[in-house]
Protein backbone atom coordinates (compact mmCIF):
# COMPACT_ATOMS: atom_id res chain seq x y z
CA MET A 1 47.23 -68.11 -144.40
CA PRO A 2 45.36 -71.03 -143.42
CA LYS A 3 46.45 -73.25 -140.32
CA GLN A 4 49.25 -75.77 -140.68
CA VAL A 5 47.51 -79.10 -140.77
CA THR A 6 48.57 -82.00 -138.02
CA ILE A 7 48.54 -85.55 -139.91
CA ASN A 8 49.73 -88.49 -138.55
CA ARG A 9 50.07 -92.17 -140.24
CA ARG A 10 46.88 -93.52 -138.86
CA CYS A 11 44.62 -90.29 -139.95
CA ALA A 12 46.59 -90.46 -143.46
CA LEU A 13 45.79 -93.97 -143.85
CA GLY A 14 42.04 -93.06 -142.56
CA ALA A 15 41.66 -92.51 -145.99
CA LEU A 16 42.06 -94.99 -147.91
CA ALA A 17 38.68 -96.26 -149.33
CA GLY A 18 38.87 -97.48 -152.39
CA SER A 19 36.80 -94.88 -154.63
CA ALA A 20 37.12 -91.43 -155.18
CA ALA A 21 34.01 -90.37 -153.35
CA ALA A 22 35.08 -92.53 -150.76
CA THR A 23 38.52 -90.81 -150.16
CA VAL A 24 36.26 -87.25 -150.25
CA MET A 25 34.43 -88.32 -147.06
CA GLN A 26 37.38 -89.40 -145.44
CA LEU A 27 39.79 -86.57 -146.27
CA ARG A 28 36.83 -84.28 -145.20
CA GLN A 29 37.16 -85.90 -141.56
CA THR A 30 41.58 -85.95 -141.21
CA ASP A 31 42.34 -82.76 -142.80
CA ALA A 32 41.32 -78.93 -141.86
CA VAL A 33 38.89 -78.54 -144.80
CA HIS A 34 39.88 -75.96 -147.17
CA GLU A 35 36.52 -73.65 -146.77
CA GLN A 36 34.40 -74.10 -149.78
CA SER A 37 34.01 -70.03 -149.90
CA GLY A 38 37.61 -69.81 -150.64
CA ARG A 39 37.71 -71.66 -154.01
CA THR A 40 40.49 -70.75 -156.12
CA ALA A 41 40.80 -71.27 -159.85
CA LEU A 42 44.45 -72.17 -159.28
CA GLY A 43 45.02 -75.46 -159.97
CA LEU A 44 47.33 -78.61 -158.86
CA VAL A 45 50.17 -80.32 -160.48
CA ARG A 46 50.75 -83.65 -159.52
CA ASN A 47 53.89 -83.14 -157.98
CA CYS A 48 52.29 -80.54 -155.36
CA CYS A 49 51.33 -83.81 -153.49
CA ARG A 50 54.04 -86.53 -153.71
CA LEU A 51 55.31 -86.89 -150.34
CA ARG A 52 51.76 -87.30 -149.30
CA ARG A 53 51.02 -89.96 -152.08
CA ASP A 54 54.05 -91.95 -151.03
CA PHE A 55 53.04 -91.62 -147.79
CA MET A 56 49.67 -93.09 -148.05
CA GLN A 57 50.78 -95.95 -150.24
CA GLN A 58 53.21 -97.10 -147.46
CA ASP A 59 51.00 -99.48 -146.16
CA GLN A 60 48.17 -99.56 -148.57
CA SER A 61 49.55 -99.92 -152.21
CA SER A 62 46.55 -100.34 -153.72
CA PHE A 63 45.12 -96.95 -153.55
CA ASP A 64 47.15 -94.29 -155.61
CA LEU A 65 46.22 -90.42 -155.07
CA TYR A 66 47.78 -89.97 -158.30
CA GLU A 67 45.12 -92.03 -160.18
CA PRO A 68 43.04 -89.22 -161.86
CA LEU A 69 39.53 -89.55 -160.20
CA ASN A 70 41.28 -89.37 -157.05
CA PHE A 71 43.46 -86.95 -157.66
CA LEU A 72 40.67 -84.81 -158.88
CA ALA A 73 38.69 -85.24 -155.59
CA TYR A 74 41.21 -84.40 -154.13
CA CYS A 75 42.08 -81.14 -155.41
CA ARG A 76 38.04 -80.33 -155.06
CA GLU A 77 38.62 -81.09 -151.39
CA LEU A 78 41.11 -78.36 -151.19
CA GLY A 79 39.35 -75.37 -153.00
CA ALA A 80 41.61 -75.98 -156.25
CA GLY A 81 40.26 -75.53 -159.67
CA GLY A 82 41.87 -77.70 -161.80
CA MET A 83 44.58 -80.47 -162.09
CA GLN A 84 47.39 -81.75 -163.98
CA ILE A 85 48.20 -85.23 -164.02
CA GLU A 86 48.80 -88.68 -166.60
CA LEU A 87 45.85 -89.34 -168.03
CA GLY A 88 47.15 -92.33 -169.55
CA ALA A 89 45.34 -94.09 -172.57
CA GLY A 90 42.79 -95.65 -169.87
CA LYS A 91 39.34 -96.62 -171.12
CA ALA A 92 36.31 -94.40 -172.49
CA GLU A 93 34.45 -95.01 -169.36
CA GLU A 94 37.46 -93.54 -167.50
CA ALA A 95 37.49 -90.68 -169.53
CA LYS A 96 33.64 -90.19 -169.37
CA SER A 97 33.48 -90.40 -165.53
CA LEU A 98 36.58 -87.62 -165.26
CA ARG A 99 34.94 -85.28 -167.29
CA GLU A 100 31.58 -85.38 -165.41
CA MET A 101 33.06 -85.07 -162.24
CA ALA A 102 35.11 -81.97 -163.02
CA GLU A 103 32.33 -80.30 -165.08
CA ALA A 104 30.13 -80.57 -162.03
CA ALA A 105 32.63 -79.57 -159.57
CA ASN A 106 33.64 -76.08 -162.40
CA MET A 107 37.24 -77.81 -163.04
CA TYR A 108 39.53 -77.81 -165.68
CA ILE A 109 42.14 -80.82 -166.48
CA GLU A 110 45.29 -80.87 -168.17
CA ALA A 111 46.65 -83.73 -169.26
CA ILE A 112 50.57 -84.95 -168.80
CA ILE A 113 52.03 -86.88 -171.30
CA ASN A 114 55.35 -87.99 -173.04
CA PRO A 115 56.34 -86.47 -176.67
CA PRO A 116 56.39 -89.78 -179.66
CA ARG A 117 59.97 -90.83 -179.65
CA ASN A 118 60.08 -91.44 -183.28
CA ASP A 119 57.72 -92.93 -185.39
CA GLN A 120 57.17 -96.10 -183.39
CA ASP A 121 55.39 -94.68 -180.67
CA ILE A 122 52.98 -92.25 -182.33
CA GLU A 123 50.36 -94.64 -182.10
CA ARG A 124 51.08 -94.52 -178.06
CA PHE A 125 51.04 -90.77 -177.91
CA ASP A 126 47.97 -90.25 -180.10
CA ALA A 127 45.67 -92.91 -177.77
CA GLU A 128 46.76 -90.58 -174.69
CA MET A 129 45.56 -87.67 -176.52
CA LYS A 130 42.33 -89.06 -177.57
CA GLN A 131 41.79 -90.18 -173.81
CA ALA A 132 42.85 -86.04 -173.05
CA VAL A 133 40.01 -85.52 -175.36
CA ALA A 134 37.47 -87.41 -173.98
CA ALA A 135 38.36 -86.51 -170.66
CA GLY A 136 37.69 -82.94 -171.36
CA ALA A 137 41.31 -81.75 -171.08
CA LYS A 138 42.06 -78.21 -172.12
CA ALA A 139 45.74 -78.74 -173.04
CA VAL A 140 48.52 -81.34 -172.53
CA ARG A 141 51.77 -80.60 -170.81
CA THR A 142 55.09 -82.08 -171.78
CA VAL A 143 59.17 -81.86 -171.73
CA ILE A 144 61.29 -82.61 -175.05
CA ILE A 145 64.63 -82.86 -172.95
CA SER A 146 65.61 -84.59 -169.85
CA GLY A 147 67.35 -83.42 -167.00
CA ARG A 148 68.27 -79.77 -165.56
CA ARG A 149 70.79 -78.73 -169.00
CA TYR A 150 73.54 -77.62 -166.77
CA GLU A 151 73.72 -81.24 -164.62
CA TYR A 152 72.76 -83.69 -167.21
CA PHE A 153 74.85 -82.44 -170.13
CA ASP A 154 78.75 -82.21 -170.12
CA SER A 155 79.14 -81.19 -173.67
CA LEU A 156 77.43 -78.83 -175.90
CA LYS A 157 77.48 -81.38 -178.56
CA THR A 158 75.51 -83.92 -176.52
CA PHE A 159 72.87 -81.53 -175.58
CA ARG A 160 72.70 -80.27 -179.13
CA GLU A 161 71.90 -84.01 -179.86
CA PHE A 162 69.07 -84.57 -177.54
CA GLU A 163 67.49 -80.77 -178.56
CA SER A 164 67.26 -82.61 -181.88
CA ARG A 165 65.56 -85.43 -180.38
CA GLY A 166 63.26 -83.08 -178.74
CA ARG A 167 63.01 -81.29 -182.07
CA ARG A 168 61.92 -84.44 -183.69
CA SER A 169 58.97 -85.27 -180.95
CA LEU A 170 57.94 -81.83 -181.47
CA GLU A 171 57.77 -82.24 -185.31
CA LEU A 172 55.69 -85.40 -184.96
CA ALA A 173 53.59 -84.35 -182.35
CA ALA A 174 52.04 -81.38 -183.88
CA PRO A 175 49.87 -82.99 -186.56
CA LEU A 176 48.67 -84.94 -183.77
CA ALA A 177 47.55 -81.76 -181.48
CA GLU A 178 45.94 -80.59 -184.64
CA LYS A 179 43.99 -83.50 -185.72
CA HIS A 180 42.60 -83.69 -181.96
CA ARG A 181 42.30 -79.45 -181.78
CA LEU A 182 44.15 -80.12 -178.44
CA PRO A 183 47.21 -77.69 -177.30
CA LEU A 184 50.58 -78.92 -176.69
CA ALA A 185 51.97 -77.51 -173.83
CA VAL A 186 55.60 -77.59 -173.85
CA GLU A 187 57.15 -76.34 -170.14
CA ASN A 188 60.99 -74.47 -169.95
CA HIS A 189 62.16 -77.19 -167.61
CA LYS A 190 65.79 -76.19 -167.43
CA ASP A 191 66.61 -77.23 -171.19
CA HIS A 192 66.28 -74.22 -173.81
CA ARG A 193 66.78 -70.42 -172.67
CA ASN A 194 63.91 -68.03 -173.77
CA ASP A 195 65.32 -67.35 -177.76
CA GLU A 196 65.96 -70.96 -178.20
CA ARG A 197 62.80 -71.88 -176.96
CA VAL A 198 60.58 -69.27 -179.10
CA ALA A 199 62.66 -70.24 -182.02
CA LEU A 200 61.22 -73.91 -181.72
CA PHE A 201 58.18 -72.55 -181.49
CA ARG A 202 58.29 -70.56 -184.65
CA HIS A 203 60.13 -73.60 -186.59
CA ILE A 204 57.00 -76.10 -185.57
CA ASP A 205 54.59 -73.08 -186.54
CA SER A 206 51.52 -74.45 -185.20
CA GLU A 207 48.66 -72.97 -183.44
CA PHE A 208 48.62 -76.25 -181.40
CA VAL A 209 51.99 -76.38 -179.60
CA GLY A 210 53.11 -73.66 -177.59
CA ALA A 211 54.57 -73.40 -174.60
CA CYS A 212 53.82 -74.19 -170.21
CA VAL A 213 55.31 -71.40 -169.40
CA ASP A 214 56.81 -72.41 -166.01
CA THR A 215 57.76 -68.39 -163.89
CA GLY A 216 60.43 -70.47 -161.84
CA ASN A 217 62.61 -72.49 -164.11
CA SER A 218 64.68 -70.78 -166.64
CA PHE A 219 65.93 -68.59 -163.45
CA ALA A 220 68.57 -70.86 -163.21
CA LEU A 221 69.38 -70.47 -167.00
CA LEU A 222 70.51 -66.87 -165.86
CA GLU A 223 67.19 -65.78 -167.09
CA SER A 224 64.99 -62.48 -165.80
CA PRO A 225 61.68 -64.18 -164.67
CA ILE A 226 59.54 -61.51 -166.19
CA GLU A 227 61.28 -61.55 -169.13
CA THR A 228 60.51 -65.43 -169.42
CA VAL A 229 57.10 -64.85 -168.93
CA LYS A 230 56.68 -62.14 -171.56
CA ALA A 231 58.71 -64.18 -174.35
CA LEU A 232 56.80 -67.46 -174.00
CA ALA A 233 53.21 -65.75 -172.95
CA PRO A 234 52.05 -65.47 -177.32
CA TRP A 235 53.11 -69.08 -177.15
CA ALA A 236 51.21 -69.91 -173.99
CA HIS A 237 48.71 -73.13 -173.57
CA SER A 238 49.46 -73.89 -169.57
CA VAL A 239 50.97 -72.11 -166.93
CA HIS A 240 53.10 -73.53 -163.90
CA LEU A 241 52.87 -71.04 -161.70
CA LYS A 242 55.89 -71.23 -158.75
CA ASP A 243 57.52 -68.38 -155.71
CA GLN A 244 61.41 -69.24 -155.06
CA ALA A 245 63.99 -68.07 -152.30
CA VAL A 246 67.31 -67.79 -153.09
CA GLN A 247 70.99 -67.78 -150.99
CA MET A 248 73.87 -67.26 -152.64
CA THR A 249 76.49 -70.44 -152.49
CA SER A 250 80.83 -70.14 -153.05
CA ASP A 251 80.14 -71.40 -156.68
CA GLY A 252 76.49 -70.10 -157.49
CA PHE A 253 73.24 -70.25 -155.46
CA TRP A 254 70.89 -72.22 -153.93
CA LEU A 255 66.95 -72.37 -155.29
CA GLY A 256 64.32 -73.12 -153.08
CA ASP A 257 60.18 -74.03 -153.98
CA ILE A 258 58.05 -71.95 -151.49
CA PRO A 259 54.46 -71.13 -150.84
CA LEU A 260 53.44 -68.04 -153.32
CA GLY A 261 53.84 -64.63 -152.31
CA GLN A 262 56.78 -65.68 -149.94
CA GLY A 263 59.50 -65.53 -152.43
CA PHE A 264 60.95 -62.97 -154.81
CA PHE A 265 59.04 -63.03 -157.78
CA ASP A 266 56.79 -60.73 -158.93
CA LEU A 267 53.80 -62.90 -159.12
CA LYS A 268 51.11 -60.70 -159.52
CA ARG A 269 53.02 -58.95 -162.43
CA MET A 270 53.41 -62.59 -164.41
CA VAL A 271 49.82 -63.59 -164.34
CA GLU A 272 48.86 -59.73 -165.86
CA ILE A 273 51.23 -60.24 -168.50
CA LEU A 274 49.82 -63.96 -169.23
CA ARG A 275 46.47 -62.93 -169.14
CA HIS A 276 46.58 -60.43 -171.36
CA GLN A 277 48.02 -62.31 -174.02
CA LYS A 278 45.80 -65.05 -173.35
CA PRO A 279 43.09 -64.82 -170.88
CA ASP A 280 41.30 -68.22 -170.99
CA ILE A 281 44.60 -69.65 -170.13
CA HIS A 282 44.87 -72.06 -166.45
CA PHE A 283 47.14 -71.50 -163.80
CA SER A 284 48.49 -74.57 -162.26
CA LEU A 285 50.50 -74.54 -159.01
CA GLU A 286 53.82 -76.94 -159.04
CA LEU A 287 55.23 -76.25 -155.75
CA ILE A 288 57.90 -79.32 -155.10
CA THR A 289 58.16 -79.44 -151.32
CA ARG A 290 61.87 -80.72 -151.09
CA ASP A 291 65.14 -79.58 -150.11
CA PRO A 292 66.51 -76.50 -152.26
CA ILE A 293 68.86 -77.04 -155.58
CA LYS A 294 72.30 -76.54 -156.38
CA VAL A 295 72.30 -74.35 -159.45
CA PRO A 296 76.76 -73.81 -159.97
CA VAL A 297 76.40 -70.92 -161.85
CA LEU A 298 80.23 -70.48 -161.00
CA THR A 299 81.75 -73.53 -162.38
CA GLN A 300 83.21 -74.96 -165.57
CA LYS A 301 80.41 -77.78 -165.88
CA TYR A 302 77.89 -75.34 -165.50
CA TRP A 303 79.17 -73.43 -168.84
CA ALA A 304 79.32 -76.35 -171.16
CA THR A 305 76.74 -75.56 -172.95
CA PHE A 306 76.16 -72.00 -172.87
CA PRO A 307 78.72 -70.90 -175.58
CA ASN A 308 77.15 -67.31 -176.31
CA VAL A 309 75.61 -66.34 -172.71
CA PRO A 310 76.68 -62.66 -172.24
CA GLY A 311 78.01 -62.19 -168.55
CA ARG A 312 75.56 -59.53 -168.18
CA ASP A 313 72.85 -62.10 -167.25
CA LEU A 314 75.34 -63.75 -164.64
CA ALA A 315 75.70 -60.53 -163.42
CA ARG A 316 72.06 -59.91 -163.34
CA THR A 317 71.27 -63.23 -162.06
CA LEU A 318 74.17 -62.93 -159.11
CA ARG A 319 72.43 -59.03 -158.21
CA THR A 320 69.26 -60.55 -157.85
CA VAL A 321 70.74 -63.26 -155.50
CA HIS A 322 72.03 -60.82 -153.41
CA THR A 323 69.69 -58.35 -153.41
CA SER A 324 66.59 -61.08 -152.57
CA ALA A 325 68.30 -63.65 -150.75
CA ALA A 326 66.03 -65.11 -148.20
CA ASP A 327 67.04 -65.62 -144.40
CA GLU A 328 66.05 -69.20 -144.00
CA LEU A 329 65.35 -72.07 -147.15
CA PRO A 330 62.93 -74.75 -146.52
CA TYR A 331 64.69 -78.25 -145.64
CA VAL A 332 62.16 -81.17 -145.21
CA THR A 333 64.58 -84.21 -145.93
CA SER A 334 66.05 -84.21 -142.27
CA LEU A 335 62.47 -84.43 -141.15
CA PRO A 336 60.19 -87.58 -139.92
CA PRO A 337 57.52 -88.76 -143.15
CA GLY A 338 54.94 -87.10 -140.95
CA GLU A 339 56.29 -84.05 -140.73
CA GLN A 340 57.24 -83.92 -144.29
CA VAL A 341 54.00 -84.50 -145.37
CA GLU A 342 52.76 -81.32 -143.06
CA ARG A 343 54.89 -79.27 -144.35
CA GLU A 344 53.07 -80.18 -147.99
CA ASN A 345 50.23 -79.74 -147.21
CA ALA A 346 50.20 -76.85 -145.12
CA ASN A 347 52.88 -75.05 -148.44
CA VAL A 348 49.85 -76.17 -151.21
CA ARG A 349 46.93 -74.53 -148.76
CA ALA A 350 49.24 -71.42 -147.85
CA SER A 351 49.59 -71.13 -151.57
CA LEU A 352 46.22 -71.53 -152.74
CA THR A 353 44.87 -68.85 -150.31
CA TRP A 354 47.20 -66.53 -151.46
CA ALA A 355 47.03 -67.17 -155.21
CA ARG A 356 43.10 -66.21 -154.48
CA ASP A 357 43.21 -63.31 -152.17
CA HIS A 358 46.31 -61.64 -153.76
CA LEU A 359 46.43 -62.75 -157.51
CA GLY A 360 42.57 -63.08 -158.53
CA LEU A 361 42.67 -66.43 -158.85
């Protein structure tokens, strides 16, 4: 496991030279450099570095770690294999620079995009897809239903309304994904259960519309993590790889993001299943350094949008939580900002190293 990085405000802000190249040079001085021999194919989703980004912007708002060139440079410095981030509808020269930088470093790019809300939003979506193609993106990740299903919606009727809007968004997006021949990967975002999402993909019926398989999210919907991967793997265009730790509560359980290999997921089996179905698929770490979230499966509100979930799924989930319960869960909001960034850095580096050493990524 890599040594935990110590970072303070001065050295973090020392990394804020304006260009991507200057940023990389400064990061070499302020971070413990990931050994170049330790490169991994595992990439980073932008959410892995949100604390670092916010911390660095406090005094230097002109620098944004989420600018694609900056983020790609940072991922390269860490030894990551690629990135997944918003590209927007920028200029052609920006896309060209990004593509050249990724190809020179043998890294992949995946974009994050919002699907078209309606007919009037198609032009925006098309422009962002064009930018992703120009940048050499292998896929674009999206979500179609806002919020965690059990928190955001109070009734099945309301959920179905949002579900219908999401389906319409994909119906509008599919012809453009096909035109650009760029896969659109829809994340299981604590919204659909497996059978609902597979039914949607069958309805859309496009080789360019499929899944961004998140290995952790569907556990909060009482789905087996392995069964989720099996169900979505045939449709997979992208992967959010994560591990989780759990603890029981009086009304459900806590679910916490932790470094790969430290939770209860069978990540090796998940990677095997996905690689068997899609040998060329890219895996991106999505580890959000934050306090655990509560999944209140024993409350009435939780069940408002789940009229037909069998009791055996609840029993299996609670049994898994009971048998896999962690001694401790990660809490970060009580830490000073600099220590939060330290924790985030250590989480990301530990995950990259574990993926390389134990998953063959």
